[in-house]
Structure formats: C-alpha cells, structure tokens
Amino acid sequence: MAKIFCVANQKGGVGKTTTTVNLSAGLAKVGQRVLMVDLDPQGNATMGSGVDKRRLELSVYDVLLESASIAEAKVRSERLVAAGCAYDVLGANRDLAGAEVELVNQERRERRLKEALASVTGDYDFVLIDCPPSLSMLTLNGLCAAHGVIVPMQCEYFALEGLSDLVNTIKQVHANLNKDLEIIGLLRVMFDPRITLQQQVSDQLKAHFGEKVFDTVIPRNVRLAEAPSYGLPGVAFDPSARGSHAFVDFAHEMVTRLGGMRPAVPHVA
C-alpha cells in the first residue's frame, strides 16, 4: 500500500512544488513507484514534471468532481524516462480553480481525493500531493487523504511563524477529519550555511523538533531554480548538480526512515 504524503506549508515561496517534483523524481530514481498529485490550480507541479497542463484531457478537477477515476486521468511523465526517474502525474490546470465553488454544496467534499486514491494505492509505493499555500478546500482534500505532511521550509524567522500556523492546522484536521495525519518531517530547503541566521534557525528546529527534522538539507542551487523553465525536475535536468544529489539523498532517507517513524504532531508554543 502506498504511503500518501502532502507537501504543504501555509507560507508561499518556500519550495513546495520544487520539493514535490524533485522528491517524486528522486524516489522514482531509487526504484519506487510514484504518483504525483497536483492540487494547485496554477499547475506548476504538472508542468515541472514534463507534462503540458494545457493538453490534459482529464485532470484532478475531473477526479474531484467524480467524472473520472485516477486510473483514467493520470499520465506518465514520459520526458523523464531517459533520466530513469519517470513517475505518474495526476495533473492540474485552470479548471481546478472552479472546483472550490463547485464542491461547496457537495457531499463528502473534503474526502473526494481520499476516496479516489483508495482504488490505486496498491499500484504505488508513494503518493505525493502538492498543495496550494492557502488553507482551501483543495488543501483540505490533500490533508484528509494523506498519512502525513512533509514541510519544506527556509531557515528564516518568518518561516517559524508560518510553521506554527501549519502545525495548528494539522492538529485541527487530525482531531476532526483524519486521525492518521501526522507531520512526517521538516525539510530545510534553499539552505546557505554561510548565513548565520539560517544556521541559528536550523539549530532551533533541531532542538525543538528533534527527529522530525530530516537529516538531508537541500542547498540553495541555481540548477534547481532553472529546471522548471525547461519543464523538468532538477533531478532530471542536471543530475550532477548539488541540489539534485540532495533530493536523491532525501529520497533514500524517506525510504529508510519510514519504518521507524512514530505518529506524533509536535507542539509549537
């Protein structure tokens, strides 16, 4: 059965989509079967996976409105085959923006994705869900479907405030909608060890969250930033880049750590 994880952070611009597509590619590269679900109407994770959102015949919108199954709507990231890191994509485009309004009066509106994924979990080792930055019906669908949340964050002061908000949101969803939901771990991204403040925030995270902070650190890397403009994850665009190596290392860490994880939602004062 697949492990289903949301990549979420209520603060924008922290690398959620970069993390989702590169972790998907990294996991595929180390031999895992991966489905990437794009829940953001901007469709950046779809485009960043080598799939043209404008040419999707079916998308996650159709799945949420129950007019298509995931098996019918998913596509393969064929451009990544040569790099050995291809995965399946349940893509998104502008149609998804309308799902918020259309789901308002629907039954089981926050559980549509969870129920749809139930039919394909045996086909994958990992399902990664890229969530929009706001706490919307789309994000709620992701959180209700997931076993846990991966939180990418920059080691900066305002990121700590955003983390506090996210932890409180996860607690509410855990209490009311999804008893399986937990924080799997915090991933330090865009990290520059030369900046003293980033080192200090990193130390605070490790002191407060302990084993919930992933060992892998994703460095600030130009090649990772360039990759989306070519419609590829950095892992495929430039496998030799430091950032690409870091995401493959993170994929290895995810695979090896999961067996020993203890369910817990950490407390932020």
C-alpha atoms as a PDB file:
ATOM      1  CA  MET A   1       0.000   0.000   0.000  1.00  0.00           C
ATOM      2  CA  ALA A   2       1.215   3.471  -0.896  1.00  0.00           C
ATOM      3  CA  LYS A   3       2.381   5.992   1.663  1.00  0.00           C
ATOM      4  CA  ILE A   4       0.449   9.185   0.910  1.00  0.00           C
ATOM      5  CA  PHE A   5       2.121  12.472   1.815  1.00  0.00           C
ATOM      6  CA  CYS A   6       1.153  16.104   1.372  1.00  0.00           C
ATOM      7  CA  VAL A   7       3.898  18.607   0.735  1.00  0.00           C
ATOM      8  CA  ALA A   8       2.461  21.628   2.497  1.00  0.00           C
ATOM      9  CA  ASN A   9       3.303  24.958   4.051  1.00  0.00           C
ATOM     10  CA  GLN A  10       0.912  27.867   4.504  1.00  0.00           C
ATOM     11  CA  LYS A  11       3.715  30.289   3.670  1.00  0.00           C
ATOM     12  CA  GLY A  12       4.207  30.840  -0.058  1.00  0.00           C
ATOM     13  CA  GLY A  13       7.500  30.703  -1.907  1.00  0.00           C
ATOM     14  CA  VAL A  14       9.154  28.093   0.289  1.00  0.00           C
ATOM     15  CA  GLY A  15       9.763  25.467  -2.381  1.00  0.00           C
ATOM     16  CA  LYS A  16       6.727  23.180  -2.039  1.00  0.00           C
ATOM     17  CA  THR A  17       6.439  22.456  -5.753  1.00  0.00           C
ATOM     18  CA  THR A  18      10.210  22.124  -6.196  1.00  0.00           C
ATOM     19  CA  THR A  19      10.225  19.654  -3.320  1.00  0.00           C
ATOM     20  CA  THR A  20       7.263  17.677  -4.670  1.00  0.00           C
ATOM     21  CA  VAL A  21       8.577  17.182  -8.199  1.00  0.00           C
ATOM     22  CA  ASN A  22      12.182  16.536  -7.197  1.00  0.00           C
ATOM     23  CA  LEU A  23      11.257  14.121  -4.417  1.00  0.00           C
ATOM     24  CA  SER A  24       8.951  12.325  -6.878  1.00  0.00           C
ATOM     25  CA  ALA A  25      11.806  12.065  -9.365  1.00  0.00           C
ATOM     26  CA  GLY A  26      14.269  11.072  -6.640  1.00  0.00           C
ATOM     27  CA  LEU A  27      12.005   8.315  -5.339  1.00  0.00           C
ATOM     28  CA  ALA A  28      11.462   7.026  -8.878  1.00  0.00           C
ATOM     29  CA  LYS A  29      15.227   7.081  -9.414  1.00  0.00           C
ATOM     30  CA  VAL A  30      15.772   4.813  -6.392  1.00  0.00           C
ATOM     31  CA  GLY A  31      13.207   2.309  -7.653  1.00  0.00           C
ATOM     32  CA  GLN A  32       9.925   3.441  -6.073  1.00  0.00           C
ATOM     33  CA  ARG A  33       6.571   3.580  -7.858  1.00  0.00           C
ATOM     34  CA  VAL A  34       5.330   7.162  -7.533  1.00  0.00           C
ATOM     35  CA  LEU A  35       2.140   9.092  -8.241  1.00  0.00           C
ATOM     36  CA  MET A  36       2.390  12.896  -8.032  1.00  0.00           C
ATOM     37  CA  VAL A  37      -0.911  14.721  -7.473  1.00  0.00           C
ATOM     38  CA  ASP A  38      -1.050  18.429  -8.337  1.00  0.00           C
ATOM     39  CA  LEU A  39      -3.692  20.208  -6.243  1.00  0.00           C
ATOM     40  CA  ASP A  40      -2.668  23.734  -7.205  1.00  0.00           C
ATOM     41  CA  PRO A  41      -4.721  25.395  -9.997  1.00  0.00           C
ATOM     42  CA  GLN A  42      -1.527  27.035 -11.272  1.00  0.00           C
ATOM     43  CA  GLY A  43      -0.411  23.572 -12.402  1.00  0.00           C
ATOM     44  CA  ASN A  44       3.274  24.262 -11.739  1.00  0.00           C
ATOM     45  CA  ALA A  45       3.982  20.746 -10.477  1.00  0.00           C
ATOM     46  CA  THR A  46       2.345  19.357 -13.618  1.00  0.00           C
ATOM     47  CA  MET A  47       4.485  21.492 -15.927  1.00  0.00           C
ATOM     48  CA  GLY A  48       7.565  20.845 -13.795  1.00  0.00           C
ATOM     49  CA  SER A  49       7.058  17.119 -14.314  1.00  0.00           C
ATOM     50  CA  GLY A  50       7.316  17.452 -18.089  1.00  0.00           C
ATOM     51  CA  VAL A  51       3.538  17.333 -18.659  1.00  0.00           C
ATOM     52  CA  ASP A  52       1.786  20.126 -20.563  1.00  0.00           C
ATOM     53  CA  LYS A  53      -1.187  21.194 -18.419  1.00  0.00           C
ATOM     54  CA  ARG A  54      -2.843  22.798 -21.475  1.00  0.00           C
ATOM     55  CA  ARG A  55      -3.116  19.443 -23.219  1.00  0.00           C
ATOM     56  CA  LEU A  56      -4.601  17.425 -20.370  1.00  0.00           C
ATOM     57  CA  GLU A  57      -7.757  15.643 -21.467  1.00  0.00           C
ATOM     58  CA  LEU A  58      -8.595  14.805 -17.853  1.00  0.00           C
ATOM     59  CA  SER A  59      -7.194  16.268 -14.644  1.00  0.00           C
ATOM     60  CA  VAL A  60      -7.519  16.198 -10.862  1.00  0.00           C
ATOM     61  CA  TYR A  61     -10.519  18.507 -11.360  1.00  0.00           C
ATOM     62  CA  ASP A  62     -12.424  15.667 -13.051  1.00  0.00           C
ATOM     63  CA  VAL A  63     -11.415  13.291 -10.260  1.00  0.00           C
ATOM     64  CA  LEU A  64     -12.663  15.642  -7.530  1.00  0.00           C
ATOM     65  CA  LEU A  65     -15.950  16.151  -9.387  1.00  0.00           C
ATOM     66  CA  GLU A  66     -16.184  12.345  -9.755  1.00  0.00           C
ATOM     67  CA  SER A  67     -16.449  12.437 -13.541  1.00  0.00           C
ATOM     68  CA  ALA A  68     -13.222  10.424 -13.963  1.00  0.00           C
ATOM     69  CA  SER A  69     -11.115   7.988 -11.963  1.00  0.00           C
ATOM     70  CA  ILE A  70      -7.426   8.441 -11.190  1.00  0.00           C
ATOM     71  CA  ALA A  71      -6.644   5.495 -13.454  1.00  0.00           C
ATOM     72  CA  GLU A  72      -8.328   7.373 -16.319  1.00  0.00           C
ATOM     73  CA  ALA A  73      -6.872  10.813 -15.550  1.00  0.00           C
ATOM     74  CA  LYS A  74      -3.221  10.068 -14.684  1.00  0.00           C
ATOM     75  CA  VAL A  75      -0.488  10.418 -17.287  1.00  0.00           C
ATOM     76  CA  ARG A  76       3.129   9.261 -17.408  1.00  0.00           C
ATOM     77  CA  SER A  77       5.973  11.760 -17.266  1.00  0.00           C
ATOM     78  CA  GLU A  78       7.480  10.404 -20.475  1.00  0.00           C
ATOM     79  CA  ARG A  79      10.145  13.130 -20.696  1.00  0.00           C
ATOM     80  CA  LEU A  80      11.743  11.716 -17.543  1.00  0.00           C
ATOM     81  CA  VAL A  81      12.082   8.139 -18.799  1.00  0.00           C
ATOM     82  CA  ALA A  82      15.542   8.672 -20.277  1.00  0.00           C
ATOM     83  CA  ALA A  83      16.781  10.049 -16.948  1.00  0.00           C
ATOM     84  CA  GLY A  84      15.460   6.974 -15.109  1.00  0.00           C
ATOM     85  CA  CYS A  85      13.123   8.976 -12.867  1.00  0.00           C
ATOM     86  CA  ALA A  86       9.688   8.813 -14.533  1.00  0.00           C
ATOM     87  CA  TYR A  87       6.524   8.808 -12.430  1.00  0.00           C
ATOM     88  CA  ASP A  88       2.773   9.117 -12.909  1.00  0.00           C
ATOM     89  CA  VAL A  89       1.130  12.542 -12.755  1.00  0.00           C
ATOM     90  CA  LEU A  90      -2.428  13.454 -11.809  1.00  0.00           C
ATOM     91  CA  GLY A  91      -2.214  16.915 -13.310  1.00  0.00           C
ATOM     92  CA  ALA A  92      -3.927  20.233 -12.700  1.00  0.00           C
ATOM     93  CA  ASN A  93      -4.795  23.296 -14.773  1.00  0.00           C
ATOM     94  CA  ARG A  94      -7.027  26.353 -14.530  1.00  0.00           C
ATOM     95  CA  ASP A  95     -10.154  24.190 -14.401  1.00  0.00           C
ATOM     96  CA  LEU A  96      -9.228  23.318 -10.826  1.00  0.00           C
ATOM     97  CA  ALA A  97      -9.893  26.887  -9.662  1.00  0.00           C
ATOM     98  CA  GLY A  98     -13.591  26.234 -10.248  1.00  0.00           C
ATOM     99  CA  ALA A  99     -13.598  23.117  -8.079  1.00  0.00           C
ATOM    100  CA  GLU A 100     -13.634  25.230  -4.899  1.00  0.00           C
ATOM    101  CA  VAL A 101     -17.025  26.694  -5.782  1.00  0.00           C
ATOM    102  CA  GLU A 102     -18.466  23.518  -7.260  1.00  0.00           C
ATOM    103  CA  LEU A 103     -17.575  21.425  -4.201  1.00  0.00           C
ATOM    104  CA  VAL A 104     -19.125  23.769  -1.639  1.00  0.00           C
ATOM    105  CA  ASN A 105     -22.539  22.105  -1.602  1.00  0.00           C
ATOM    106  CA  GLN A 106     -21.370  18.590  -2.445  1.00  0.00           C
ATOM    107  CA  GLU A 107     -21.463  15.666  -0.037  1.00  0.00           C
ATOM    108  CA  ARG A 108     -18.102  14.307   1.213  1.00  0.00           C
ATOM    109  CA  ARG A 109     -16.464  17.342  -0.370  1.00  0.00           C
ATOM    110  CA  GLU A 110     -13.299  17.128   1.738  1.00  0.00           C
ATOM    111  CA  ARG A 111     -12.918  13.366   1.158  1.00  0.00           C
ATOM    112  CA  ARG A 112     -13.156  13.189  -2.640  1.00  0.00           C
ATOM    113  CA  LEU A 113      -9.402  12.735  -3.173  1.00  0.00           C
ATOM    114  CA  LYS A 114      -9.079  10.202  -0.348  1.00  0.00           C
ATOM    115  CA  GLU A 115     -11.833   8.046  -1.827  1.00  0.00           C
ATOM    116  CA  ALA A 116     -10.393   8.308  -5.335  1.00  0.00           C
ATOM    117  CA  LEU A 117      -6.900   7.305  -4.176  1.00  0.00           C
ATOM    118  CA  ALA A 118      -8.254   4.188  -2.443  1.00  0.00           C
ATOM    119  CA  SER A 119      -8.592   2.470  -5.824  1.00  0.00           C
ATOM    120  CA  VAL A 120      -4.922   2.954  -6.817  1.00  0.00           C
ATOM    121  CA  THR A 121      -2.898   2.790  -3.586  1.00  0.00           C
ATOM    122  CA  GLY A 122      -1.877  -0.775  -4.366  1.00  0.00           C
ATOM    123  CA  ASP A 123      -0.225   0.405  -7.576  1.00  0.00           C
ATOM    124  CA  TYR A 124       2.265   2.767  -5.893  1.00  0.00           C
ATOM    125  CA  ASP A 125       4.832   2.942  -3.123  1.00  0.00           C
ATOM    126  CA  PHE A 126       4.435   6.707  -2.669  1.00  0.00           C
ATOM    127  CA  VAL A 127       1.771   9.278  -3.496  1.00  0.00           C
ATOM    128  CA  LEU A 128       2.970  12.887  -3.165  1.00  0.00           C
ATOM    129  CA  ILE A 129       0.420  15.707  -3.149  1.00  0.00           C
ATOM    130  CA  ASP A 130       1.460  19.264  -3.999  1.00  0.00           C
ATOM    131  CA  CYS A 131      -0.852  21.599  -2.067  1.00  0.00           C
ATOM    132  CA  PRO A 132      -1.579  25.297  -2.674  1.00  0.00           C
ATOM    133  CA  PRO A 133      -0.298  27.680   0.021  1.00  0.00           C
ATOM    134  CA  SER A 134      -3.744  28.662   1.305  1.00  0.00           C
ATOM    135  CA  LEU A 135      -5.939  26.530   3.545  1.00  0.00           C
ATOM    136  CA  SER A 136      -8.619  25.866   0.943  1.00  0.00           C
ATOM    137  CA  MET A 137     -10.968  23.023   0.088  1.00  0.00           C
ATOM    138  CA  LEU A 138      -8.224  21.690  -2.191  1.00  0.00           C
ATOM    139  CA  THR A 139      -5.645  21.671   0.609  1.00  0.00           C
ATOM    140  CA  LEU A 140      -8.214  20.092   2.908  1.00  0.00           C
ATOM    141  CA  ASN A 141      -8.722  17.288   0.387  1.00  0.00           C
ATOM    142  CA  GLY A 142      -4.979  16.687   0.396  1.00  0.00           C
ATOM    143  CA  LEU A 143      -4.724  16.673   4.187  1.00  0.00           C
ATOM    144  CA  CYS A 144      -7.708  14.331   4.539  1.00  0.00           C
ATOM    145  CA  ALA A 145      -6.180  11.890   2.032  1.00  0.00           C
ATOM    146  CA  ALA A 146      -2.665  11.874   3.480  1.00  0.00           C
ATOM    147  CA  HIS A 147      -0.922   9.749   6.074  1.00  0.00           C
ATOM    148  CA  GLY A 148       1.426  12.604   6.802  1.00  0.00           C
ATOM    149  CA  VAL A 149       2.794  16.003   5.869  1.00  0.00           C
ATOM    150  CA  ILE A 150       6.267  16.872   4.613  1.00  0.00           C
ATOM    151  CA  VAL A 151       7.001  20.506   5.432  1.00  0.00           C
ATOM    152  CA  PRO A 152       9.624  22.269   3.297  1.00  0.00           C
ATOM    153  CA  MET A 153      10.845  25.428   4.964  1.00  0.00           C
ATOM    154  CA  GLN A 154      13.540  28.028   4.705  1.00  0.00           C
ATOM    155  CA  CYS A 155      15.592  28.670   7.831  1.00  0.00           C
ATOM    156  CA  GLU A 156      14.343  32.225   8.306  1.00  0.00           C
ATOM    157  CA  TYR A 157      12.429  33.964  11.082  1.00  0.00           C
ATOM    158  CA  PHE A 158       9.070  34.332   9.301  1.00  0.00           C
ATOM    159  CA  ALA A 159       9.198  30.650   8.341  1.00  0.00           C
ATOM    160  CA  LEU A 160       8.937  29.775  12.046  1.00  0.00           C
ATOM    161  CA  GLU A 161       5.707  31.766  12.323  1.00  0.00           C
ATOM    162  CA  GLY A 162       4.291  30.002   9.266  1.00  0.00           C
ATOM    163  CA  LEU A 163       5.264  26.650  10.764  1.00  0.00           C
ATOM    164  CA  SER A 164       3.295  27.426  13.912  1.00  0.00           C
ATOM    165  CA  ASP A 165       0.176  28.138  11.824  1.00  0.00           C
ATOM    166  CA  LEU A 166       0.627  24.928   9.833  1.00  0.00           C
ATOM    167  CA  VAL A 167       1.034  22.783  12.956  1.00  0.00           C
ATOM    168  CA  ASN A 168      -2.203  24.205  14.357  1.00  0.00           C
ATOM    169  CA  THR A 169      -3.995  23.432  11.080  1.00  0.00           C
ATOM    170  CA  ILE A 170      -2.689  19.864  11.114  1.00  0.00           C
ATOM    171  CA  LYS A 171      -3.868  19.452  14.701  1.00  0.00           C
ATOM    172  CA  GLN A 172      -7.381  20.545  13.728  1.00  0.00           C
ATOM    173  CA  VAL A 173      -7.529  18.192  10.740  1.00  0.00           C
ATOM    174  CA  HIS A 174      -6.075  15.376  12.871  1.00  0.00           C
ATOM    175  CA  ALA A 175      -8.745  15.928  15.554  1.00  0.00           C
ATOM    176  CA  ASN A 176     -11.755  16.324  13.263  1.00  0.00           C
ATOM    177  CA  LEU A 177     -11.170  14.714   9.872  1.00  0.00           C
ATOM    178  CA  ASN A 178      -8.107  12.463   9.641  1.00  0.00           C
ATOM    179  CA  LYS A 179      -6.791  10.609  12.692  1.00  0.00           C
ATOM    180  CA  ASP A 180      -3.886   9.223  10.635  1.00  0.00           C
ATOM    181  CA  LEU A 181      -2.455  12.657   9.844  1.00  0.00           C
ATOM    182  CA  GLU A 182       0.956  13.489  11.311  1.00  0.00           C
ATOM    183  CA  ILE A 183       3.956  15.607  10.500  1.00  0.00           C
ATOM    184  CA  ILE A 184       6.436  13.246   8.861  1.00  0.00           C
ATOM    185  CA  GLY A 185       9.247  15.748   8.955  1.00  0.00           C
ATOM    186  CA  LEU A 186      10.614  19.203   8.275  1.00  0.00           C
ATOM    187  CA  LEU A 187      12.850  19.615   5.236  1.00  0.00           C
ATOM    188  CA  ARG A 188      15.312  22.505   5.266  1.00  0.00           C
ATOM    189  CA  VAL A 189      15.406  23.954   1.741  1.00  0.00           C
ATOM    190  CA  MET A 190      17.285  26.755  -0.037  1.00  0.00           C
ATOM    191  CA  PHE A 191      19.853  26.471   2.740  1.00  0.00           C
ATOM    192  CA  ASP A 192      23.022  28.553   2.717  1.00  0.00           C
ATOM    193  CA  PRO A 193      25.398  27.572   5.557  1.00  0.00           C
ATOM    194  CA  ARG A 194      27.283  30.866   5.164  1.00  0.00           C
ATOM    195  CA  ILE A 195      24.317  32.815   6.589  1.00  0.00           C
ATOM    196  CA  THR A 196      24.463  32.848  10.391  1.00  0.00           C
ATOM    197  CA  LEU A 197      20.715  33.326  10.841  1.00  0.00           C
ATOM    198  CA  GLN A 198      19.970  30.214   8.792  1.00  0.00           C
ATOM    199  CA  GLN A 199      22.321  28.176  10.969  1.00  0.00           C
ATOM    200  CA  GLN A 200      20.638  29.553  14.091  1.00  0.00           C
ATOM    201  CA  VAL A 201      17.113  28.766  12.864  1.00  0.00           C
ATOM    202  CA  SER A 202      18.273  25.303  11.771  1.00  0.00           C
ATOM    203  CA  ASP A 203      19.626  24.672  15.272  1.00  0.00           C
ATOM    204  CA  GLN A 204      16.328  25.866  16.803  1.00  0.00           C
ATOM    205  CA  LEU A 205      14.376  23.472  14.583  1.00  0.00           C
ATOM    206  CA  LYS A 206      16.553  20.515  15.567  1.00  0.00           C
ATOM    207  CA  ALA A 207      16.361  21.435  19.261  1.00  0.00           C
ATOM    208  CA  HIS A 208      12.551  21.731  19.195  1.00  0.00           C
ATOM    209  CA  PHE A 209      11.506  19.018  16.753  1.00  0.00           C
ATOM    210  CA  GLY A 210      14.366  16.521  17.129  1.00  0.00           C
ATOM    211  CA  GLU A 211      13.994  13.516  14.837  1.00  0.00           C
ATOM    212  CA  LYS A 212      11.170  15.248  12.954  1.00  0.00           C
ATOM    213  CA  VAL A 213      13.814  17.328  11.163  1.00  0.00           C
ATOM    214  CA  PHE A 214      15.136  15.401   8.175  1.00  0.00           C
ATOM    215  CA  ASP A 215      18.898  14.857   8.101  1.00  0.00           C
ATOM    216  CA  THR A 216      19.031  15.834   4.435  1.00  0.00           C
ATOM    217  CA  VAL A 217      19.423  19.537   3.721  1.00  0.00           C
ATOM    218  CA  ILE A 218      18.588  20.944   0.282  1.00  0.00           C
ATOM    219  CA  PRO A 219      21.113  23.669  -0.635  1.00  0.00           C
ATOM    220  CA  ARG A 220      20.334  26.858  -2.476  1.00  0.00           C
ATOM    221  CA  ASN A 221      21.128  25.781  -6.030  1.00  0.00           C
ATOM    222  CA  VAL A 222      20.859  27.626  -9.344  1.00  0.00           C
ATOM    223  CA  ARG A 223      20.271  24.453 -11.374  1.00  0.00           C
ATOM    224  CA  LEU A 224      17.216  23.552  -9.282  1.00  0.00           C
ATOM    225  CA  ALA A 225      15.856  27.053  -9.910  1.00  0.00           C
ATOM    226  CA  GLU A 226      16.488  26.804 -13.665  1.00  0.00           C
ATOM    227  CA  ALA A 227      14.912  23.368 -14.142  1.00  0.00           C
ATOM    228  CA  PRO A 228      11.199  24.415 -14.127  1.00  0.00           C
ATOM    229  CA  SER A 229      11.762  26.704 -17.124  1.00  0.00           C
ATOM    230  CA  TYR A 230      12.704  23.556 -19.055  1.00  0.00           C
ATOM    231  CA  GLY A 231       9.680  21.657 -17.737  1.00  0.00           C
ATOM    232  CA  LEU A 232      11.781  19.187 -15.756  1.00  0.00           C
ATOM    233  CA  PRO A 233      12.649  18.405 -12.147  1.00  0.00           C
ATOM    234  CA  GLY A 234      16.220  19.322 -11.272  1.00  0.00           C
ATOM    235  CA  VAL A 235      16.953  15.614 -10.705  1.00  0.00           C
ATOM    236  CA  ALA A 236      16.370  15.055 -14.450  1.00  0.00           C
ATOM    237  CA  PHE A 237      17.540  18.437 -15.752  1.00  0.00           C
ATOM    238  CA  ASP A 238      21.016  18.236 -14.204  1.00  0.00           C
ATOM    239  CA  PRO A 239      21.608  15.011 -12.240  1.00  0.00           C
ATOM    240  CA  SER A 240      25.131  16.164 -11.332  1.00  0.00           C
ATOM    241  CA  ALA A 241      24.001  19.374  -9.550  1.00  0.00           C
ATOM    242  CA  ARG A 242      24.333  19.600  -5.773  1.00  0.00           C
ATOM    243  CA  GLY A 243      20.605  20.163  -5.380  1.00  0.00           C
ATOM    244  CA  SER A 244      19.791  17.093  -7.474  1.00  0.00           C
ATOM    245  CA  HIS A 245      22.125  14.927  -5.408  1.00  0.00           C
ATOM    246  CA  ALA A 246      20.480  16.282  -2.253  1.00  0.00           C
ATOM    247  CA  PHE A 247      16.983  15.298  -3.429  1.00  0.00           C
ATOM    248  CA  VAL A 248      18.135  11.771  -4.322  1.00  0.00           C
ATOM    249  CA  ASP A 249      19.674  11.572  -0.843  1.00  0.00           C
ATOM    250  CA  PHE A 250      16.358  12.776   0.571  1.00  0.00           C
ATOM    251  CA  ALA A 251      14.541  10.037  -1.358  1.00  0.00           C
ATOM    252  CA  HIS A 252      16.866   7.444   0.194  1.00  0.00           C
ATOM    253  CA  GLU A 253      16.216   8.934   3.640  1.00  0.00           C
ATOM    254  CA  MET A 254      12.454   8.800   3.123  1.00  0.00           C
ATOM    255  CA  VAL A 255      12.563   5.132   2.138  1.00  0.00           C
ATOM    256  CA  THR A 256      14.820   4.123   5.041  1.00  0.00           C
ATOM    257  CA  ARG A 257      13.193   6.240   7.776  1.00  0.00           C
ATOM    258  CA  LEU A 258       9.530   5.388   7.331  1.00  0.00           C
ATOM    259  CA  GLY A 259       9.571   2.085   9.157  1.00  0.00           C
ATOM    260  CA  GLY A 260      10.737   3.700  12.367  1.00  0.00           C
ATOM    261  CA  MET A 261       8.561   6.817  12.370  1.00  0.00           C
ATOM    262  CA  ARG A 262       6.318   7.298  15.378  1.00  0.00           C
ATOM    263  CA  PRO A 263       2.976   9.059  14.844  1.00  0.00           C
ATOM    264  CA  ALA A 264       3.115  12.453  16.511  1.00  0.00           C
ATOM    265  CA  VAL A 265       2.032  16.004  15.916  1.00  0.00           C
ATOM    266  CA  PRO A 266       4.680  18.229  17.525  1.00  0.00           C
ATOM    267  CA  HIS A 267       3.696  21.144  19.696  1.00  0.00           C
ATOM    268  CA  VAL A 268       4.595  24.718  18.844  1.00  0.00           C
ATOM    269  CA  ALA A 269       4.145  27.171  21.686  1.00  0.00           C
END
